[in-house]
């Protein structure tokens, strides 16, 4: 089973994964982790390259790069997931998160010069390609999305800003992006995968237990379980 963990920055995706993985192992299930998304971004050679890249690249280009990277990540799952021979593959940042992140960067990032000859006018084609790959993956692998949801604006920022400010500096441009990302996550409809919505403010113990119950139930329902 492929389990995508979705949600805005600071919603608790990594923390949930850190609790869910050992809980699954304790219940006799084997777990693998998909490589992080940045490893599929051709523009980066290390995670610390992301912030400088975002600060110097137009929002439209970032959006396209993120969608293409996620498509390559899904392609990796298509070709590799079965060979991993694990009960569960946990994926930090599912398709919905990446699509919404791309849309937020497109809206809040550096604008392209007013030149109609430049590429990157729209992300529609990239999004359609990503969705096709997700459908291909779901055709032969059980997939689900666990989404950590924040309160409606402006409450969402009030939740995540204190969390994020503890580990990094938050320039105004990043705060603007986060605000747009929260709005996109709240309004974007993604019905391609089964969804378990969780309240990001409920606490990791509550959400880890709900996630564990959902994943174990899904595994039990599989024909070869």
C-alpha atoms as a PDB file:
ATOM      1  CA  UNK A   1       0.000   0.000   0.000  1.00  0.00           C
ATOM      2  CA  UNK A   2       1.210   3.484  -0.915  1.00  0.00           C
ATOM      3  CA  UNK A   3       0.344   6.009   1.796  1.00  0.00           C
ATOM      4  CA  UNK A   4       0.721   9.667   0.836  1.00  0.00           C
ATOM      5  CA  UNK A   5       0.935  12.154   3.700  1.00  0.00           C
ATOM      6  CA  UNK A   6      -0.491  15.513   2.654  1.00  0.00           C
ATOM      7  CA  UNK A   7      -0.705  18.931   4.261  1.00  0.00           C
ATOM      8  CA  UNK A   8       0.865  22.400   4.232  1.00  0.00           C
ATOM      9  CA  UNK A   9       4.327  23.121   5.601  1.00  0.00           C
ATOM     10  CA  UNK A  10       4.253  22.885   9.379  1.00  0.00           C
ATOM     11  CA  UNK A  11       1.068  20.818   9.541  1.00  0.00           C
ATOM     12  CA  UNK A  12       2.936  17.838  11.021  1.00  0.00           C
ATOM     13  CA  UNK A  13       3.582  15.516   8.054  1.00  0.00           C
ATOM     14  CA  UNK A  14       7.089  14.484   9.088  1.00  0.00           C
ATOM     15  CA  UNK A  15       6.057  14.086  12.726  1.00  0.00           C
ATOM     16  CA  UNK A  16       3.116  11.898  11.740  1.00  0.00           C
ATOM     17  CA  UNK A  17       5.352   9.708   9.575  1.00  0.00           C
ATOM     18  CA  UNK A  18       7.855   9.401  12.431  1.00  0.00           C
ATOM     19  CA  UNK A  19       5.081   8.020  14.671  1.00  0.00           C
ATOM     20  CA  UNK A  20       3.173   6.009  12.075  1.00  0.00           C
ATOM     21  CA  UNK A  21       6.123   4.016  10.727  1.00  0.00           C
ATOM     22  CA  UNK A  22       7.162   2.353  14.019  1.00  0.00           C
ATOM     23  CA  UNK A  23       3.508   1.807  14.950  1.00  0.00           C
ATOM     24  CA  UNK A  24       2.998  -0.171  11.733  1.00  0.00           C
ATOM     25  CA  UNK A  25       6.148  -2.193  12.417  1.00  0.00           C
ATOM     26  CA  UNK A  26       4.890  -2.918  15.931  1.00  0.00           C
ATOM     27  CA  UNK A  27       1.779  -4.398  14.308  1.00  0.00           C
ATOM     28  CA  UNK A  28       3.895  -6.722  12.193  1.00  0.00           C
ATOM     29  CA  UNK A  29       3.898  -4.666   8.992  1.00  0.00           C
ATOM     30  CA  UNK A  30       6.973  -3.827   6.943  1.00  0.00           C
ATOM     31  CA  UNK A  31       7.513  -0.186   5.993  1.00  0.00           C
ATOM     32  CA  UNK A  32       9.591   1.695   3.429  1.00  0.00           C
ATOM     33  CA  UNK A  33       9.980   5.437   2.889  1.00  0.00           C
ATOM     34  CA  UNK A  34       9.914   7.005  -0.566  1.00  0.00           C
ATOM     35  CA  UNK A  35      12.889   9.251  -1.368  1.00  0.00           C
ATOM     36  CA  UNK A  36      12.230  12.922  -0.543  1.00  0.00           C
ATOM     37  CA  UNK A  37      10.746  15.095  -3.254  1.00  0.00           C
ATOM     38  CA  UNK A  38      13.833  17.303  -3.581  1.00  0.00           C
ATOM     39  CA  UNK A  39      15.813  14.351  -4.981  1.00  0.00           C
ATOM     40  CA  UNK A  40      13.570  14.467  -8.069  1.00  0.00           C
ATOM     41  CA  UNK A  41      14.106  18.183  -8.653  1.00  0.00           C
ATOM     42  CA  UNK A  42      16.769  18.478 -11.351  1.00  0.00           C
ATOM     43  CA  UNK A  43      17.567  21.973 -10.130  1.00  0.00           C
ATOM     44  CA  UNK A  44      18.795  20.786  -6.709  1.00  0.00           C
ATOM     45  CA  UNK A  45      21.746  18.742  -5.528  1.00  0.00           C
ATOM     46  CA  UNK A  46      21.013  19.037  -1.780  1.00  0.00           C
ATOM     47  CA  UNK A  47      17.971  20.045   0.327  1.00  0.00           C
ATOM     48  CA  UNK A  48      19.639  23.281   1.400  1.00  0.00           C
ATOM     49  CA  UNK A  49      19.635  24.369  -2.267  1.00  0.00           C
ATOM     50  CA  UNK A  50      15.849  24.727  -2.207  1.00  0.00           C
ATOM     51  CA  UNK A  51      15.570  28.099  -0.437  1.00  0.00           C
ATOM     52  CA  UNK A  52      18.133  29.911  -2.662  1.00  0.00           C
ATOM     53  CA  UNK A  53      16.507  28.379  -5.752  1.00  0.00           C
ATOM     54  CA  UNK A  54      13.056  29.592  -4.726  1.00  0.00           C
ATOM     55  CA  UNK A  55      14.357  33.098  -3.996  1.00  0.00           C
ATOM     56  CA  UNK A  56      15.916  33.449  -7.469  1.00  0.00           C
ATOM     57  CA  UNK A  57      13.455  31.583  -9.710  1.00  0.00           C
ATOM     58  CA  UNK A  58      10.133  32.739 -11.086  1.00  0.00           C
ATOM     59  CA  UNK A  59       7.058  31.281  -9.441  1.00  0.00           C
ATOM     60  CA  UNK A  60       5.899  29.778 -12.727  1.00  0.00           C
ATOM     61  CA  UNK A  61       9.167  27.922 -13.248  1.00  0.00           C
ATOM     62  CA  UNK A  62       9.064  26.607  -9.678  1.00  0.00           C
ATOM     63  CA  UNK A  63       5.514  25.379 -10.223  1.00  0.00           C
ATOM     64  CA  UNK A  64       6.472  23.451 -13.343  1.00  0.00           C
ATOM     65  CA  UNK A  65       9.575  21.987 -11.714  1.00  0.00           C
ATOM     66  CA  UNK A  66       7.614  20.782  -8.675  1.00  0.00           C
ATOM     67  CA  UNK A  67       4.942  19.092 -10.794  1.00  0.00           C
ATOM     68  CA  UNK A  68       7.535  17.441 -13.010  1.00  0.00           C
ATOM     69  CA  UNK A  69       9.473  16.252  -9.950  1.00  0.00           C
ATOM     70  CA  UNK A  70       6.329  14.754  -8.421  1.00  0.00           C
ATOM     71  CA  UNK A  71       5.558  12.991 -11.704  1.00  0.00           C
ATOM     72  CA  UNK A  72       9.053  11.475 -11.688  1.00  0.00           C
ATOM     73  CA  UNK A  73       8.502  10.406  -8.074  1.00  0.00           C
ATOM     74  CA  UNK A  74       5.222   8.695  -8.998  1.00  0.00           C
ATOM     75  CA  UNK A  75       7.005   7.025 -11.903  1.00  0.00           C
ATOM     76  CA  UNK A  76       9.574   5.710  -9.411  1.00  0.00           C
ATOM     77  CA  UNK A  77       6.743   4.273  -7.331  1.00  0.00           C
ATOM     78  CA  UNK A  78       5.196   2.679 -10.421  1.00  0.00           C
ATOM     79  CA  UNK A  79       8.425   0.919 -11.344  1.00  0.00           C
ATOM     80  CA  UNK A  80       9.776   0.224  -7.850  1.00  0.00           C
ATOM     81  CA  UNK A  81       6.977  -0.150  -5.291  1.00  0.00           C
ATOM     82  CA  UNK A  82       6.224  -3.799  -6.086  1.00  0.00           C
ATOM     83  CA  UNK A  83       9.911  -4.722  -5.965  1.00  0.00           C
ATOM     84  CA  UNK A  84      10.299  -3.161  -2.508  1.00  0.00           C
ATOM     85  CA  UNK A  85       8.235  -6.046  -1.106  1.00  0.00           C
ATOM     86  CA  UNK A  86       7.048  -3.874   1.778  1.00  0.00           C
ATOM     87  CA  UNK A  87       3.519  -3.751   3.151  1.00  0.00           C
ATOM     88  CA  UNK A  88       3.517   0.053   3.261  1.00  0.00           C
ATOM     89  CA  UNK A  89       5.463   2.747   1.427  1.00  0.00           C
ATOM     90  CA  UNK A  90       5.142   6.111   3.174  1.00  0.00           C
ATOM     91  CA  UNK A  91       5.390   9.170   0.934  1.00  0.00           C
ATOM     92  CA  UNK A  92       5.907  12.605   2.500  1.00  0.00           C
ATOM     93  CA  UNK A  93       4.012  15.139   0.312  1.00  0.00           C
ATOM     94  CA  UNK A  94       1.354  13.532  -1.832  1.00  0.00           C
ATOM     95  CA  UNK A  95       0.109  14.726  -5.221  1.00  0.00           C
ATOM     96  CA  UNK A  96      -2.408  17.173  -3.727  1.00  0.00           C
ATOM     97  CA  UNK A  97       0.221  18.900  -1.619  1.00  0.00           C
ATOM     98  CA  UNK A  98       2.573  19.284  -4.576  1.00  0.00           C
ATOM     99  CA  UNK A  99      -0.163  20.575  -6.877  1.00  0.00           C
ATOM    100  CA  UNK A 100      -1.273  23.118  -4.279  1.00  0.00           C
ATOM    101  CA  UNK A 101       2.333  24.098  -3.607  1.00  0.00           C
ATOM    102  CA  UNK A 102       2.857  24.643  -7.335  1.00  0.00           C
ATOM    103  CA  UNK A 103      -0.270  26.802  -7.530  1.00  0.00           C
ATOM    104  CA  UNK A 104       0.828  28.828  -4.493  1.00  0.00           C
ATOM    105  CA  UNK A 105       4.312  29.419  -5.913  1.00  0.00           C
ATOM    106  CA  UNK A 106       2.766  30.368  -9.250  1.00  0.00           C
ATOM    107  CA  UNK A 107       0.636  33.031  -7.537  1.00  0.00           C
ATOM    108  CA  UNK A 108       3.131  34.438  -5.033  1.00  0.00           C
ATOM    109  CA  UNK A 109       6.558  33.874  -6.584  1.00  0.00           C
ATOM    110  CA  UNK A 110       8.671  36.119  -8.787  1.00  0.00           C
ATOM    111  CA  UNK A 111       6.619  36.983 -11.884  1.00  0.00           C
ATOM    112  CA  UNK A 112       7.868  36.184 -15.344  1.00  0.00           C
ATOM    113  CA  UNK A 113       8.920  39.123 -17.513  1.00  0.00           C
ATOM    114  CA  UNK A 114       6.150  40.282 -19.813  1.00  0.00           C
ATOM    115  CA  UNK A 115       7.385  38.257 -22.769  1.00  0.00           C
ATOM    116  CA  UNK A 116       4.890  36.018 -24.607  1.00  0.00           C
ATOM    117  CA  UNK A 117       7.758  33.955 -26.061  1.00  0.00           C
ATOM    118  CA  UNK A 118       8.802  32.678 -22.648  1.00  0.00           C
ATOM    119  CA  UNK A 119       7.704  29.163 -21.584  1.00  0.00           C
ATOM    120  CA  UNK A 120       5.791  28.193 -18.442  1.00  0.00           C
ATOM    121  CA  UNK A 121       2.507  30.011 -19.187  1.00  0.00           C
ATOM    122  CA  UNK A 122       0.343  27.386 -17.438  1.00  0.00           C
ATOM    123  CA  UNK A 123       0.637  24.299 -15.258  1.00  0.00           C
ATOM    124  CA  UNK A 124      -2.429  22.542 -16.706  1.00  0.00           C
ATOM    125  CA  UNK A 125      -0.454  20.104 -18.853  1.00  0.00           C
ATOM    126  CA  UNK A 126       1.921  19.229 -16.015  1.00  0.00           C
ATOM    127  CA  UNK A 127      -0.978  18.668 -13.644  1.00  0.00           C
ATOM    128  CA  UNK A 128      -2.750  16.440 -16.159  1.00  0.00           C
ATOM    129  CA  UNK A 129       0.402  14.377 -16.647  1.00  0.00           C
ATOM    130  CA  UNK A 130       0.833  13.986 -12.893  1.00  0.00           C
ATOM    131  CA  UNK A 131      -2.779  12.897 -12.496  1.00  0.00           C
ATOM    132  CA  UNK A 132      -2.353  10.310 -15.267  1.00  0.00           C
ATOM    133  CA  UNK A 133       0.651   8.850 -13.462  1.00  0.00           C
ATOM    134  CA  UNK A 134      -1.275   8.697 -10.179  1.00  0.00           C
ATOM    135  CA  UNK A 135      -4.085   6.824 -11.948  1.00  0.00           C
ATOM    136  CA  UNK A 136      -1.516   4.396 -13.383  1.00  0.00           C
ATOM    137  CA  UNK A 137      -0.036   3.797  -9.935  1.00  0.00           C
ATOM    138  CA  UNK A 138      -3.454   3.290  -8.324  1.00  0.00           C
ATOM    139  CA  UNK A 139      -4.382   0.776 -11.032  1.00  0.00           C
ATOM    140  CA  UNK A 140      -2.047  -1.857  -9.565  1.00  0.00           C
ATOM    141  CA  UNK A 141      -1.090  -0.586  -6.094  1.00  0.00           C
ATOM    142  CA  UNK A 142      -3.502   0.231  -3.277  1.00  0.00           C
ATOM    143  CA  UNK A 143      -3.071   3.952  -2.562  1.00  0.00           C
ATOM    144  CA  UNK A 144      -4.483   6.329   0.001  1.00  0.00           C
ATOM    145  CA  UNK A 145      -3.916   9.904   1.137  1.00  0.00           C
ATOM    146  CA  UNK A 146      -3.802  11.070   4.736  1.00  0.00           C
ATOM    147  CA  UNK A 147      -4.277  14.835   4.799  1.00  0.00           C
ATOM    148  CA  UNK A 148      -3.489  17.027   7.782  1.00  0.00           C
ATOM    149  CA  UNK A 149      -5.902  19.941   7.530  1.00  0.00           C
ATOM    150  CA  UNK A 150      -5.538  23.347   9.131  1.00  0.00           C
ATOM    151  CA  UNK A 151      -8.267  25.718  10.306  1.00  0.00           C
ATOM    152  CA  UNK A 152      -9.636  28.146   7.757  1.00  0.00           C
ATOM    153  CA  UNK A 153      -7.669  31.327   7.258  1.00  0.00           C
ATOM    154  CA  UNK A 154      -6.298  33.162   9.117  1.00  0.00           C
ATOM    155  CA  UNK A 155      -6.274  30.428  11.750  1.00  0.00           C
ATOM    156  CA  UNK A 156      -4.067  28.143   9.678  1.00  0.00           C
ATOM    157  CA  UNK A 157      -1.151  30.537   9.727  1.00  0.00           C
ATOM    158  CA  UNK A 158      -1.574  30.973  13.465  1.00  0.00           C
ATOM    159  CA  UNK A 159      -1.005  27.229  13.865  1.00  0.00           C
ATOM    160  CA  UNK A 160       1.999  26.710  11.615  1.00  0.00           C
ATOM    161  CA  UNK A 161       4.015  29.924  11.957  1.00  0.00           C
ATOM    162  CA  UNK A 162       5.097  29.233  15.574  1.00  0.00           C
ATOM    163  CA  UNK A 163       6.071  25.685  14.577  1.00  0.00           C
ATOM    164  CA  UNK A 164       8.099  26.760  11.550  1.00  0.00           C
ATOM    165  CA  UNK A 165       9.746  29.752  13.229  1.00  0.00           C
ATOM    166  CA  UNK A 166      11.342  27.400  15.767  1.00  0.00           C
ATOM    167  CA  UNK A 167      13.488  25.812  13.056  1.00  0.00           C
ATOM    168  CA  UNK A 168      13.916  28.442  10.346  1.00  0.00           C
ATOM    169  CA  UNK A 169      13.692  32.116   9.524  1.00  0.00           C
ATOM    170  CA  UNK A 170      10.408  33.115   7.929  1.00  0.00           C
ATOM    171  CA  UNK A 171      10.838  35.955   5.414  1.00  0.00           C
ATOM    172  CA  UNK A 172       7.671  37.797   4.306  1.00  0.00           C
ATOM    173  CA  UNK A 173       7.742  36.110   0.898  1.00  0.00           C
ATOM    174  CA  UNK A 174       7.615  32.686   2.543  1.00  0.00           C
ATOM    175  CA  UNK A 175       4.754  33.735   4.829  1.00  0.00           C
ATOM    176  CA  UNK A 176       2.864  34.948   1.756  1.00  0.00           C
ATOM    177  CA  UNK A 177       3.479  31.610   0.068  1.00  0.00           C
ATOM    178  CA  UNK A 178       2.268  29.722   3.159  1.00  0.00           C
ATOM    179  CA  UNK A 179      -0.911  31.789   3.229  1.00  0.00           C
ATOM    180  CA  UNK A 180      -1.553  30.948  -0.426  1.00  0.00           C
ATOM    181  CA  UNK A 181      -0.713  27.280   0.150  1.00  0.00           C
ATOM    182  CA  UNK A 182      -3.199  26.969   3.008  1.00  0.00           C
ATOM    183  CA  UNK A 183      -5.886  28.546   0.823  1.00  0.00           C
ATOM    184  CA  UNK A 184      -5.117  26.172  -2.059  1.00  0.00           C
ATOM    185  CA  UNK A 185      -5.174  23.114   0.213  1.00  0.00           C
ATOM    186  CA  UNK A 186      -8.554  24.176   1.591  1.00  0.00           C
ATOM    187  CA  UNK A 187     -10.191  24.777  -1.781  1.00  0.00           C
ATOM    188  CA  UNK A 188      -8.486  22.398  -4.225  1.00  0.00           C
ATOM    189  CA  UNK A 189     -10.571  19.311  -4.940  1.00  0.00           C
ATOM    190  CA  UNK A 190      -8.500  16.145  -5.336  1.00  0.00           C
ATOM    191  CA  UNK A 191     -10.711  13.071  -5.676  1.00  0.00           C
ATOM    192  CA  UNK A 192      -8.217  10.738  -7.359  1.00  0.00           C
ATOM    193  CA  UNK A 193      -7.246   8.823  -4.202  1.00  0.00           C
ATOM    194  CA  UNK A 194      -9.118   7.618  -1.110  1.00  0.00           C
ATOM    195  CA  UNK A 195      -8.726  10.255   1.592  1.00  0.00           C
ATOM    196  CA  UNK A 196      -8.459  10.284   5.367  1.00  0.00           C
ATOM    197  CA  UNK A 197      -8.813  13.922   6.491  1.00  0.00           C
ATOM    198  CA  UNK A 198      -7.318  14.724   9.880  1.00  0.00           C
ATOM    199  CA  UNK A 199      -7.315  17.843  12.029  1.00  0.00           C
ATOM    200  CA  UNK A 200      -3.713  19.081  12.146  1.00  0.00           C
ATOM    201  CA  UNK A 201      -4.397  20.655  15.547  1.00  0.00           C
ATOM    202  CA  UNK A 202      -5.628  17.409  17.148  1.00  0.00           C
ATOM    203  CA  UNK A 203      -2.166  16.299  18.240  1.00  0.00           C
ATOM    204  CA  UNK A 204       0.199  13.677  16.901  1.00  0.00           C
ATOM    205  CA  UNK A 205      -0.998  10.868  19.184  1.00  0.00           C
ATOM    206  CA  UNK A 206      -4.609  11.233  18.012  1.00  0.00           C
ATOM    207  CA  UNK A 207      -3.674  11.531  14.354  1.00  0.00           C
ATOM    208  CA  UNK A 208      -1.139   8.707  14.465  1.00  0.00           C
ATOM    209  CA  UNK A 209      -3.753   6.388  15.980  1.00  0.00           C
ATOM    210  CA  UNK A 210      -6.352   7.366  13.366  1.00  0.00           C
ATOM    211  CA  UNK A 211      -3.795   6.868  10.586  1.00  0.00           C
ATOM    212  CA  UNK A 212      -2.713   3.506  11.966  1.00  0.00           C
ATOM    213  CA  UNK A 213      -6.301   2.268  12.159  1.00  0.00           C
ATOM    214  CA  UNK A 214      -7.003   3.412   8.604  1.00  0.00           C
ATOM    215  CA  UNK A 215      -3.861   1.887   7.090  1.00  0.00           C
ATOM    216  CA  UNK A 216      -4.223  -1.409   8.940  1.00  0.00           C
ATOM    217  CA  UNK A 217      -7.852  -1.589   7.829  1.00  0.00           C
ATOM    218  CA  UNK A 218      -6.850  -0.939   4.253  1.00  0.00           C
ATOM    219  CA  UNK A 219      -4.156  -3.605   4.380  1.00  0.00           C
ATOM    220  CA  UNK A 220      -6.576  -6.138   5.860  1.00  0.00           C
ATOM    221  CA  UNK A 221      -8.978  -5.509   2.990  1.00  0.00           C
ATOM    222  CA  UNK A 222      -6.409  -6.306   0.301  1.00  0.00           C
ATOM    223  CA  UNK A 223      -6.873  -9.671  -1.473  1.00  0.00           C
ATOM    224  CA  UNK A 224      -3.409 -10.993  -0.541  1.00  0.00           C
ATOM    225  CA  UNK A 225      -3.400  -9.626   3.003  1.00  0.00           C
END
